[in-house]
Amino acid sequence: MPTVEQLGDIYIKVENDTCYVHSKMSVKNNSPLEIGIDTIKYKVSMFGKTYLQNNTSLGIMLKNNASD
């Protein structure tokens, strides 16, 4: 089972009609098998209202007991 750790803060910058989201994460594959990480999904909401959400393709293959 992989573990995901958030490294630091998530930064969000809005300029006109564009939003920039910056985040650092570490993923460790604790499995004896290679795993594929195909998509990251995020959703930004406050007080029950969703302001941003998206799916982004990653296409990362993570070998057994490796980190990225």
PDB file of N, CA and C in Angstrom:
ATOM      1  N   MET A   1       0.842  -1.178   0.000  1.00  0.00           N
ATOM      2  CA  MET A   1       0.000   0.000   0.000  1.00  0.00           C
ATOM      3  C   MET A   1       0.888   1.243   0.000  1.00  0.00           C
ATOM      4  N   PRO A   2       0.685   2.175  -0.935  1.00  0.00           N
ATOM      5  CA  PRO A   2       1.496   3.393  -0.952  1.00  0.00           C
ATOM      6  C   PRO A   2       1.076   4.365   0.154  1.00  0.00           C
ATOM      7  N   THR A   3       2.034   5.179   0.597  1.00  0.00           N
ATOM      8  CA  THR A   3       1.738   6.236   1.552  1.00  0.00           C
ATOM      9  C   THR A   3       2.035   7.580   0.893  1.00  0.00           C
ATOM     10  N   VAL A   4       1.192   8.563   1.160  1.00  0.00           N
ATOM     11  CA  VAL A   4       1.341   9.900   0.599  1.00  0.00           C
ATOM     12  C   VAL A   4       1.504  10.874   1.754  1.00  0.00           C
ATOM     13  N   GLU A   5       2.533  11.717   1.663  1.00  0.00           N
ATOM     14  CA  GLU A   5       2.795  12.702   2.700  1.00  0.00           C
ATOM     15  C   GLU A   5       2.850  14.095   2.083  1.00  0.00           C
ATOM     16  N   GLN A   6       2.090  15.016   2.654  1.00  0.00           N
ATOM     17  CA  GLN A   6       2.118  16.416   2.225  1.00  0.00           C
ATOM     18  C   GLN A   6       3.373  17.060   2.794  1.00  0.00           C
ATOM     19  N   LEU A   7       4.176  17.703   1.922  1.00  0.00           N
ATOM     20  CA  LEU A   7       5.404  18.368   2.356  1.00  0.00           C
ATOM     21  C   LEU A   7       5.186  19.874   2.314  1.00  0.00           C
ATOM     22  N   GLY A   8       5.052  20.489   3.459  1.00  0.00           N
ATOM     23  CA  GLY A   8       4.847  21.935   3.511  1.00  0.00           C
ATOM     24  C   GLY A   8       3.408  22.331   3.244  1.00  0.00           C
ATOM     25  N   ASP A   9       3.240  23.586   2.839  1.00  0.00           N
ATOM     26  CA  ASP A   9       1.917  24.157   2.619  1.00  0.00           C
ATOM     27  C   ASP A   9       1.475  24.002   1.172  1.00  0.00           C
ATOM     28  N   ILE A  10       0.192  24.190   0.943  1.00  0.00           N
ATOM     29  CA  ILE A  10      -0.373  24.259  -0.405  1.00  0.00           C
ATOM     30  C   ILE A  10      -0.586  25.736  -0.708  1.00  0.00           C
ATOM     31  N   TYR A  11      -0.036  26.197  -1.815  1.00  0.00           N
ATOM     32  CA  TYR A  11      -0.141  27.607  -2.196  1.00  0.00           C
ATOM     33  C   TYR A  11      -1.111  27.749  -3.364  1.00  0.00           C
ATOM     34  N   ILE A  12      -2.016  28.706  -3.263  1.00  0.00           N
ATOM     35  CA  ILE A  12      -3.005  28.977  -4.309  1.00  0.00           C
ATOM     36  C   ILE A  12      -2.914  30.449  -4.672  1.00  0.00           C
ATOM     37  N   LYS A  13      -2.743  30.717  -5.950  1.00  0.00           N
ATOM     38  CA  LYS A  13      -2.656  32.094  -6.438  1.00  0.00           C
ATOM     39  C   LYS A  13      -3.664  32.262  -7.565  1.00  0.00           C
ATOM     40  N   VAL A  14      -4.525  33.260  -7.452  1.00  0.00           N
ATOM     41  CA  VAL A  14      -5.543  33.536  -8.459  1.00  0.00           C
ATOM     42  C   VAL A  14      -5.183  34.824  -9.178  1.00  0.00           C
ATOM     43  N   GLU A  15      -5.085  34.748 -10.503  1.00  0.00           N
ATOM     44  CA  GLU A  15      -4.822  35.916 -11.339  1.00  0.00           C
ATOM     45  C   GLU A  15      -5.865  35.949 -12.453  1.00  0.00           C
ATOM     46  N   ASN A  16      -6.716  36.942 -12.416  1.00  0.00           N
ATOM     47  CA  ASN A  16      -7.797  37.086 -13.399  1.00  0.00           C
ATOM     48  C   ASN A  16      -8.617  35.806 -13.469  1.00  0.00           C
ATOM     49  N   ASP A  17      -8.600  35.095 -14.601  1.00  0.00           N
ATOM     50  CA  ASP A  17      -9.400  33.881 -14.733  1.00  0.00           C
ATOM     51  C   ASP A  17      -8.549  32.615 -14.617  1.00  0.00           C
ATOM     52  N   THR A  18      -7.322  32.728 -14.062  1.00  0.00           N
ATOM     53  CA  THR A  18      -6.416  31.591 -13.936  1.00  0.00           C
ATOM     54  C   THR A  18      -6.043  31.380 -12.476  1.00  0.00           C
ATOM     55  N   CYS A  19      -6.008  30.116 -12.072  1.00  0.00           N
ATOM     56  CA  CYS A  19      -5.630  29.766 -10.708  1.00  0.00           C
ATOM     57  C   CYS A  19      -4.396  28.869 -10.761  1.00  0.00           C
ATOM     58  N   TYR A  20      -3.390  29.193  -9.967  1.00  0.00           N
ATOM     59  CA  TYR A  20      -2.172  28.402  -9.879  1.00  0.00           C
ATOM     60  C   TYR A  20      -2.144  27.705  -8.525  1.00  0.00           C
ATOM     61  N   VAL A  21      -1.978  26.380  -8.529  1.00  0.00           N
ATOM     62  CA  VAL A  21      -1.915  25.599  -7.299  1.00  0.00           C
ATOM     63  C   VAL A  21      -0.538  24.960  -7.229  1.00  0.00           C
ATOM     64  N   HIS A  22       0.177  25.185  -6.114  1.00  0.00           N
ATOM     65  CA  HIS A  22       1.516  24.635  -5.932  1.00  0.00           C
ATOM     66  C   HIS A  22       1.539  23.812  -4.650  1.00  0.00           C
ATOM     67  N   SER A  23       2.004  22.582  -4.776  1.00  0.00           N
ATOM     68  CA  SER A  23       2.050  21.696  -3.632  1.00  0.00           C
ATOM     69  C   SER A  23       3.205  20.714  -3.798  1.00  0.00           C
ATOM     70  N   LYS A  24       3.771  20.268  -2.695  1.00  0.00           N
ATOM     71  CA  LYS A  24       4.804  19.239  -2.729  1.00  0.00           C
ATOM     72  C   LYS A  24       4.310  18.047  -1.917  1.00  0.00           C
ATOM     73  N   MET A  25       4.451  16.852  -2.521  1.00  0.00           N
ATOM     74  CA  MET A  25       4.050  15.611  -1.865  1.00  0.00           C
ATOM     75  C   MET A  25       5.127  14.566  -2.069  1.00  0.00           C
ATOM     76  N   SER A  26       5.178  13.629  -1.168  1.00  0.00           N
ATOM     77  CA  SER A  26       6.062  12.482  -1.296  1.00  0.00           C
ATOM     78  C   SER A  26       5.201  11.232  -1.298  1.00  0.00           C
ATOM     79  N   VAL A  27       5.444  10.345  -2.268  1.00  0.00           N
ATOM     80  CA  VAL A  27       4.714   9.080  -2.352  1.00  0.00           C
ATOM     81  C   VAL A  27       5.721   7.952  -2.188  1.00  0.00           C
ATOM     82  N   LYS A  28       5.471   7.044  -1.250  1.00  0.00           N
ATOM     83  CA  LYS A  28       6.342   5.891  -1.039  1.00  0.00           C
ATOM     84  C   LYS A  28       5.556   4.625  -1.303  1.00  0.00           C
ATOM     85  N   ASN A  29       6.120   3.765  -2.141  1.00  0.00           N
ATOM     86  CA  ASN A  29       5.514   2.481  -2.453  1.00  0.00           C
ATOM     87  C   ASN A  29       6.062   1.446  -1.477  1.00  0.00           C
ATOM     88  N   ASN A  30       5.249   1.006  -0.537  1.00  0.00           N
ATOM     89  CA  ASN A  30       5.653   0.012   0.455  1.00  0.00           C
ATOM     90  C   ASN A  30       5.381  -1.410  -0.016  1.00  0.00           C
ATOM     91  N   SER A  31       4.885  -1.545  -1.217  1.00  0.00           N
ATOM     92  CA  SER A  31       4.502  -2.839  -1.767  1.00  0.00           C
ATOM     93  C   SER A  31       5.706  -3.538  -2.400  1.00  0.00           C
ATOM     94  N   PRO A  32       5.692  -4.864  -2.478  1.00  0.00           N
ATOM     95  CA  PRO A  32       6.752  -5.577  -3.189  1.00  0.00           C
ATOM     96  C   PRO A  32       6.574  -5.496  -4.710  1.00  0.00           C
ATOM     97  N   LEU A  33       5.484  -4.887  -5.158  1.00  0.00           N
ATOM     98  CA  LEU A  33       5.191  -4.778  -6.589  1.00  0.00           C
ATOM     99  C   LEU A  33       5.306  -3.334  -7.066  1.00  0.00           C
ATOM    100  N   GLU A  34       5.598  -3.152  -8.340  1.00  0.00           N
ATOM    101  CA  GLU A  34       5.615  -1.825  -8.952  1.00  0.00           C
ATOM    102  C   GLU A  34       4.174  -1.322  -9.074  1.00  0.00           C
ATOM    103  N   ILE A  35       3.963  -0.030  -8.834  1.00  0.00           N
ATOM    104  CA  ILE A  35       2.615   0.539  -8.968  1.00  0.00           C
ATOM    105  C   ILE A  35       2.661   1.724  -9.930  1.00  0.00           C
ATOM    106  N   GLY A  36       1.521   1.993 -10.547  1.00  0.00           N
ATOM    107  CA  GLY A  36       1.385   3.143 -11.430  1.00  0.00           C
ATOM    108  C   GLY A  36       0.532   4.213 -10.770  1.00  0.00           C
ATOM    109  N   ILE A  37       0.990   5.451 -10.827  1.00  0.00           N
ATOM    110  CA  ILE A  37       0.216   6.588 -10.318  1.00  0.00           C
ATOM    111  C   ILE A  37      -0.208   7.366 -11.552  1.00  0.00           C
ATOM    112  N   ASP A  38      -1.477   7.249 -11.917  1.00  0.00           N
ATOM    113  CA  ASP A  38      -1.904   7.835 -13.186  1.00  0.00           C
ATOM    114  C   ASP A  38      -2.526   9.212 -13.063  1.00  0.00           C
ATOM    115  N   THR A  39      -3.150   9.534 -11.930  1.00  0.00           N
ATOM    116  CA  THR A  39      -3.892  10.789 -11.828  1.00  0.00           C
ATOM    117  C   THR A  39      -3.803  11.364 -10.425  1.00  0.00           C
ATOM    118  N   ILE A  40      -3.742  12.686 -10.357  1.00  0.00           N
ATOM    119  CA  ILE A  40      -3.899  13.380  -9.075  1.00  0.00           C
ATOM    120  C   ILE A  40      -5.177  14.214  -9.187  1.00  0.00           C
ATOM    121  N   LYS A  41      -5.993  14.167  -8.147  1.00  0.00           N
ATOM    122  CA  LYS A  41      -7.246  14.922  -8.125  1.00  0.00           C
ATOM    123  C   LYS A  41      -7.185  15.915  -6.974  1.00  0.00           C
ATOM    124  N   TYR A  42      -7.688  17.121  -7.215  1.00  0.00           N
ATOM    125  CA  TYR A  42      -7.752  18.091  -6.115  1.00  0.00           C
ATOM    126  C   TYR A  42      -9.071  18.841  -6.161  1.00  0.00           C
ATOM    127  N   LYS A  43      -9.452  19.322  -4.990  1.00  0.00           N
ATOM    128  CA  LYS A  43     -10.695  20.078  -4.840  1.00  0.00           C
ATOM    129  C   LYS A  43     -10.453  21.110  -3.746  1.00  0.00           C
ATOM    130  N   VAL A  44     -10.721  22.380  -4.053  1.00  0.00           N
ATOM    131  CA  VAL A  44     -10.560  23.463  -3.082  1.00  0.00           C
ATOM    132  C   VAL A  44     -11.947  23.987  -2.750  1.00  0.00           C
ATOM    133  N   SER A  45     -12.306  23.882  -1.470  1.00  0.00           N
ATOM    134  CA  SER A  45     -13.620  24.362  -1.063  1.00  0.00           C
ATOM    135  C   SER A  45     -13.517  25.058   0.289  1.00  0.00           C
ATOM    136  N   MET A  46     -14.468  25.972   0.511  1.00  0.00           N
ATOM    137  CA  MET A  46     -14.563  26.688   1.781  1.00  0.00           C
ATOM    138  C   MET A  46     -16.029  26.845   2.135  1.00  0.00           C
ATOM    139  N   PHE A  47     -16.350  26.547   3.367  1.00  0.00           N
ATOM    140  CA  PHE A  47     -17.713  26.708   3.883  1.00  0.00           C
ATOM    141  C   PHE A  47     -18.740  26.000   2.997  1.00  0.00           C
ATOM    142  N   GLY A  48     -18.385  24.789   2.519  1.00  0.00           N
ATOM    143  CA  GLY A  48     -19.320  23.989   1.744  1.00  0.00           C
ATOM    144  C   GLY A  48     -19.431  24.362   0.273  1.00  0.00           C
ATOM    145  N   LYS A  49     -18.707  25.368  -0.188  1.00  0.00           N
ATOM    146  CA  LYS A  49     -18.745  25.778  -1.594  1.00  0.00           C
ATOM    147  C   LYS A  49     -17.424  25.399  -2.262  1.00  0.00           C
ATOM    148  N   THR A  50     -17.513  24.705  -3.413  1.00  0.00           N
ATOM    149  CA  THR A  50     -16.321  24.303  -4.163  1.00  0.00           C
ATOM    150  C   THR A  50     -15.926  25.415  -5.116  1.00  0.00           C
ATOM    151  N   TYR A  51     -14.651  25.838  -5.020  1.00  0.00           N
ATOM    152  CA  TYR A  51     -14.135  26.900  -5.872  1.00  0.00           C
ATOM    153  C   TYR A  51     -13.279  26.358  -7.010  1.00  0.00           C
ATOM    154  N   LEU A  52     -12.520  25.313  -6.761  1.00  0.00           N
ATOM    155  CA  LEU A  52     -11.650  24.720  -7.769  1.00  0.00           C
ATOM    156  C   LEU A  52     -11.684  23.210  -7.633  1.00  0.00           C
ATOM    157  N   GLN A  53     -11.628  22.517  -8.758  1.00  0.00           N
ATOM    158  CA  GLN A  53     -11.395  21.083  -8.726  1.00  0.00           C
ATOM    159  C   GLN A  53     -10.929  20.656 -10.106  1.00  0.00           C
ATOM    160  N   ASN A  54     -10.043  19.651 -10.119  1.00  0.00           N
ATOM    161  CA  ASN A  54      -9.466  19.221 -11.383  1.00  0.00           C
ATOM    162  C   ASN A  54      -8.829  17.852 -11.218  1.00  0.00           C
ATOM    163  N   ASN A  55      -8.628  17.158 -12.326  1.00  0.00           N
ATOM    164  CA  ASN A  55      -7.871  15.912 -12.398  1.00  0.00           C
ATOM    165  C   ASN A  55      -6.692  16.175 -13.320  1.00  0.00           C
ATOM    166  N   THR A  56      -5.492  15.777 -12.912  1.00  0.00           N
ATOM    167  CA  THR A  56      -4.302  15.973 -13.727  1.00  0.00           C
ATOM    168  C   THR A  56      -3.600  14.638 -13.917  1.00  0.00           C
ATOM    169  N   SER A  57      -3.284  14.318 -15.155  1.00  0.00           N
ATOM    170  CA  SER A  57      -2.607  13.071 -15.475  1.00  0.00           C
ATOM    171  C   SER A  57      -1.139  13.146 -15.076  1.00  0.00           C
ATOM    172  N   LEU A  58      -0.621  12.073 -14.436  1.00  0.00           N
ATOM    173  CA  LEU A  58       0.770  12.025 -14.004  1.00  0.00           C
ATOM    174  C   LEU A  58       1.579  10.980 -14.775  1.00  0.00           C
ATOM    175  N   GLY A  59       1.063   9.767 -14.886  1.00  0.00           N
ATOM    176  CA  GLY A  59       1.755   8.698 -15.597  1.00  0.00           C
ATOM    177  C   GLY A  59       3.079   8.287 -14.966  1.00  0.00           C
ATOM    178  N   ILE A  60       3.120   8.149 -13.640  1.00  0.00           N
ATOM    179  CA  ILE A  60       4.349   7.784 -12.924  1.00  0.00           C
ATOM    180  C   ILE A  60       4.310   6.291 -12.585  1.00  0.00           C
ATOM    181  N   MET A  61       5.401   5.592 -12.881  1.00  0.00           N
ATOM    182  CA  MET A  61       5.555   4.207 -12.439  1.00  0.00           C
ATOM    183  C   MET A  61       6.521   4.220 -11.261  1.00  0.00           C
ATOM    184  N   LEU A  62       6.090   3.681 -10.124  1.00  0.00           N
ATOM    185  CA  LEU A  62       6.886   3.696  -8.901  1.00  0.00           C
ATOM    186  C   LEU A  62       7.294   2.267  -8.566  1.00  0.00           C
ATOM    187  N   LYS A  63       8.591   1.991  -8.577  1.00  0.00           N
ATOM    188  CA  LYS A  63       9.111   0.657  -8.285  1.00  0.00           C
ATOM    189  C   LYS A  63       8.867   0.303  -6.827  1.00  0.00           C
ATOM    190  N   ASN A  64       8.995  -0.998  -6.520  1.00  0.00           N
ATOM    191  CA  ASN A  64       8.753  -1.449  -5.150  1.00  0.00           C
ATOM    192  C   ASN A  64       9.751  -0.805  -4.188  1.00  0.00           C
ATOM    193  N   ASN A  65       9.252  -0.427  -3.026  1.00  0.00           N
ATOM    194  CA  ASN A  65      10.021   0.211  -1.943  1.00  0.00           C
ATOM    195  C   ASN A  65      10.756   1.468  -2.405  1.00  0.00           C
ATOM    196  N   ALA A  66      10.199   2.186  -3.382  1.00  0.00           N
ATOM    197  CA  ALA A  66      10.800   3.432  -3.878  1.00  0.00           C
ATOM    198  C   ALA A  66       9.938   4.613  -3.465  1.00  0.00           C
ATOM    199  N   SER A  67      10.524   5.814  -3.535  1.00  0.00           N
ATOM    200  CA  SER A  67       9.816   7.058  -3.237  1.00  0.00           C
ATOM    201  C   SER A  67       9.964   8.012  -4.399  1.00  0.00           C
ATOM    202  N   ASP A  68       8.990   8.896  -4.559  1.00  0.00           N
ATOM    203  CA  ASP A  68       9.059   9.949  -5.573  1.00  0.00           C
ATOM    204  C   ASP A  68       8.394  11.191  -5.041  1.00  0.00           C
TER     205      ASP A  68
END
